[in-house]
Amino acid sequence: LQGKIVDILCERNPSYKRFVVQEKGGATLYMQLLKALYGCIKSALLWHELFSGTLIEVGFELNPYDNCVANKKIEGKQCTIAWW
């Protein structure tokens, strides 16, 4: 993180100050995230793995041609879920 947000976070939690370094004329705060950050490519992958994994756990099968489509037979009828 860079800019004003570094100052705000350090005000809220002074223990963050030990992770602040001066780079390119400004403060930079390096942090390791415990959860996915919205908008990152890795976040989309983690969400897809969680969502499709949950569907598989409840009996759905992923379509081999499009892994954003899952199917399951429920009471003799096909249930299809598609997402993008």
C-alpha atoms as a PDB file:
ATOM      1  CA  LEU A   1       0.000   0.000   0.000  1.00  0.00           C
ATOM      2  CA  GLN A   2       1.211   3.497  -0.729  1.00  0.00           C
ATOM      3  CA  GLY A   3       0.140   7.039  -0.044  1.00  0.00           C
ATOM      4  CA  LYS A   4      -2.296   8.472   2.472  1.00  0.00           C
ATOM      5  CA  ILE A   5      -3.770   5.054   3.279  1.00  0.00           C
ATOM      6  CA  VAL A   6      -0.470   4.098   4.960  1.00  0.00           C
ATOM      7  CA  ASP A   7      -0.790   7.027   7.388  1.00  0.00           C
ATOM      8  CA  ILE A   8      -4.435   6.216   8.088  1.00  0.00           C
ATOM      9  CA  LEU A   9      -3.719   2.560   8.809  1.00  0.00           C
ATOM     10  CA  CYS A  10      -0.760   3.390  11.047  1.00  0.00           C
ATOM     11  CA  GLU A  11      -2.901   5.848  13.004  1.00  0.00           C
ATOM     12  CA  ARG A  12      -5.534   3.154  13.523  1.00  0.00           C
ATOM     13  CA  ASN A  13      -2.970   0.497  14.418  1.00  0.00           C
ATOM     14  CA  PRO A  14       0.496   1.803  15.394  1.00  0.00           C
ATOM     15  CA  SER A  15       1.982  -1.715  15.240  1.00  0.00           C
ATOM     16  CA  TYR A  16       1.892  -1.405  11.418  1.00  0.00           C
ATOM     17  CA  LYS A  17       4.655   1.235  11.546  1.00  0.00           C
ATOM     18  CA  ARG A  18       7.331  -1.470  11.744  1.00  0.00           C
ATOM     19  CA  PHE A  19       6.312  -2.651   8.258  1.00  0.00           C
ATOM     20  CA  VAL A  20       6.531   0.793   6.631  1.00  0.00           C
ATOM     21  CA  VAL A  21       9.495   1.547   4.366  1.00  0.00           C
ATOM     22  CA  GLN A  22      10.357   4.671   2.420  1.00  0.00           C
ATOM     23  CA  GLU A  23      10.305   4.033  -1.341  1.00  0.00           C
ATOM     24  CA  LYS A  24      10.155   6.445  -4.265  1.00  0.00           C
ATOM     25  CA  GLY A  25       9.851   9.391  -1.924  1.00  0.00           C
ATOM     26  CA  GLY A  26       6.875   8.062  -0.006  1.00  0.00           C
ATOM     27  CA  ALA A  27       5.786   5.575   2.607  1.00  0.00           C
ATOM     28  CA  THR A  28       5.022   2.023   1.514  1.00  0.00           C
ATOM     29  CA  LEU A  29       3.354  -0.526   3.777  1.00  0.00           C
ATOM     30  CA  TYR A  30       3.928  -4.189   2.981  1.00  0.00           C
ATOM     31  CA  MET A  31       1.352  -6.642   4.313  1.00  0.00           C
ATOM     32  CA  GLN A  32       0.550 -10.299   3.812  1.00  0.00           C
ATOM     33  CA  LEU A  33      -3.156 -10.856   3.236  1.00  0.00           C
ATOM     34  CA  LEU A  34      -4.982 -13.699   4.933  1.00  0.00           C
ATOM     35  CA  LYS A  35      -7.843 -13.620   2.443  1.00  0.00           C
ATOM     36  CA  ALA A  36      -8.214 -12.829  -1.236  1.00  0.00           C
ATOM     37  CA  LEU A  37      -8.357  -9.172  -2.194  1.00  0.00           C
ATOM     38  CA  TYR A  38     -11.263  -8.172  -4.431  1.00  0.00           C
ATOM     39  CA  GLY A  39     -10.217  -7.351  -7.992  1.00  0.00           C
ATOM     40  CA  CYS A  40      -7.092  -9.494  -8.140  1.00  0.00           C
ATOM     41  CA  ILE A  41      -6.740 -12.359 -10.608  1.00  0.00           C
ATOM     42  CA  LYS A  42      -5.905 -14.771  -7.793  1.00  0.00           C
ATOM     43  CA  SER A  43      -9.115 -13.715  -6.015  1.00  0.00           C
ATOM     44  CA  ALA A  44     -11.219 -14.791  -8.986  1.00  0.00           C
ATOM     45  CA  LEU A  45      -9.470 -18.163  -9.080  1.00  0.00           C
ATOM     46  CA  LEU A  46      -9.953 -18.715  -5.349  1.00  0.00           C
ATOM     47  CA  TRP A  47     -13.647 -17.806  -5.620  1.00  0.00           C
ATOM     48  CA  HIS A  48     -14.121 -20.175  -8.562  1.00  0.00           C
ATOM     49  CA  GLU A  49     -12.414 -23.004  -6.678  1.00  0.00           C
ATOM     50  CA  LEU A  50     -14.570 -22.385  -3.603  1.00  0.00           C
ATOM     51  CA  PHE A  51     -17.847 -22.106  -5.540  1.00  0.00           C
ATOM     52  CA  SER A  52     -17.270 -25.090  -7.842  1.00  0.00           C
ATOM     53  CA  GLY A  53     -15.906 -27.142  -4.939  1.00  0.00           C
ATOM     54  CA  THR A  54     -19.043 -26.450  -2.931  1.00  0.00           C
ATOM     55  CA  LEU A  55     -21.246 -27.508  -5.843  1.00  0.00           C
ATOM     56  CA  ILE A  56     -19.257 -30.740  -6.238  1.00  0.00           C
ATOM     57  CA  GLU A  57     -19.651 -31.433  -2.494  1.00  0.00           C
ATOM     58  CA  VAL A  58     -23.451 -31.303  -2.858  1.00  0.00           C
ATOM     59  CA  GLY A  59     -23.474 -33.642  -5.841  1.00  0.00           C
ATOM     60  CA  PHE A  60     -23.066 -31.467  -8.929  1.00  0.00           C
ATOM     61  CA  GLU A  61     -20.727 -32.441 -11.757  1.00  0.00           C
ATOM     62  CA  LEU A  62     -18.788 -29.808 -13.668  1.00  0.00           C
ATOM     63  CA  ASN A  63     -19.281 -29.793 -17.431  1.00  0.00           C
ATOM     64  CA  PRO A  64     -16.070 -31.099 -19.059  1.00  0.00           C
ATOM     65  CA  TYR A  65     -16.362 -28.523 -21.879  1.00  0.00           C
ATOM     66  CA  ASP A  66     -17.160 -25.487 -19.724  1.00  0.00           C
ATOM     67  CA  ASN A  67     -16.113 -25.503 -16.081  1.00  0.00           C
ATOM     68  CA  CYS A  68     -18.548 -22.670 -15.318  1.00  0.00           C
ATOM     69  CA  VAL A  69     -21.502 -25.017 -15.817  1.00  0.00           C
ATOM     70  CA  ALA A  70     -22.525 -27.672 -13.304  1.00  0.00           C
ATOM     71  CA  ASN A  71     -25.257 -30.298 -13.583  1.00  0.00           C
ATOM     72  CA  LYS A  72     -27.090 -32.537 -11.153  1.00  0.00           C
ATOM     73  CA  LYS A  73     -30.123 -34.802 -11.346  1.00  0.00           C
ATOM     74  CA  ILE A  74     -32.655 -33.821  -8.710  1.00  0.00           C
ATOM     75  CA  GLU A  75     -35.778 -35.968  -8.397  1.00  0.00           C
ATOM     76  CA  GLY A  76     -35.284 -37.207 -11.958  1.00  0.00           C
ATOM     77  CA  LYS A  77     -34.872 -33.744 -13.466  1.00  0.00           C
ATOM     78  CA  GLN A  78     -31.685 -32.055 -14.557  1.00  0.00           C
ATOM     79  CA  CYS A  79     -30.631 -28.978 -12.623  1.00  0.00           C
ATOM     80  CA  THR A  80     -28.048 -26.814 -14.400  1.00  0.00           C
ATOM     81  CA  ILE A  81     -26.172 -23.931 -12.805  1.00  0.00           C
ATOM     82  CA  ALA A  82     -24.115 -21.618 -14.992  1.00  0.00           C
ATOM     83  CA  TRP A  83     -21.948 -18.723 -13.822  1.00  0.00           C
ATOM     84  CA  TRP A  84     -19.418 -16.353 -15.279  1.00  0.00           C
END
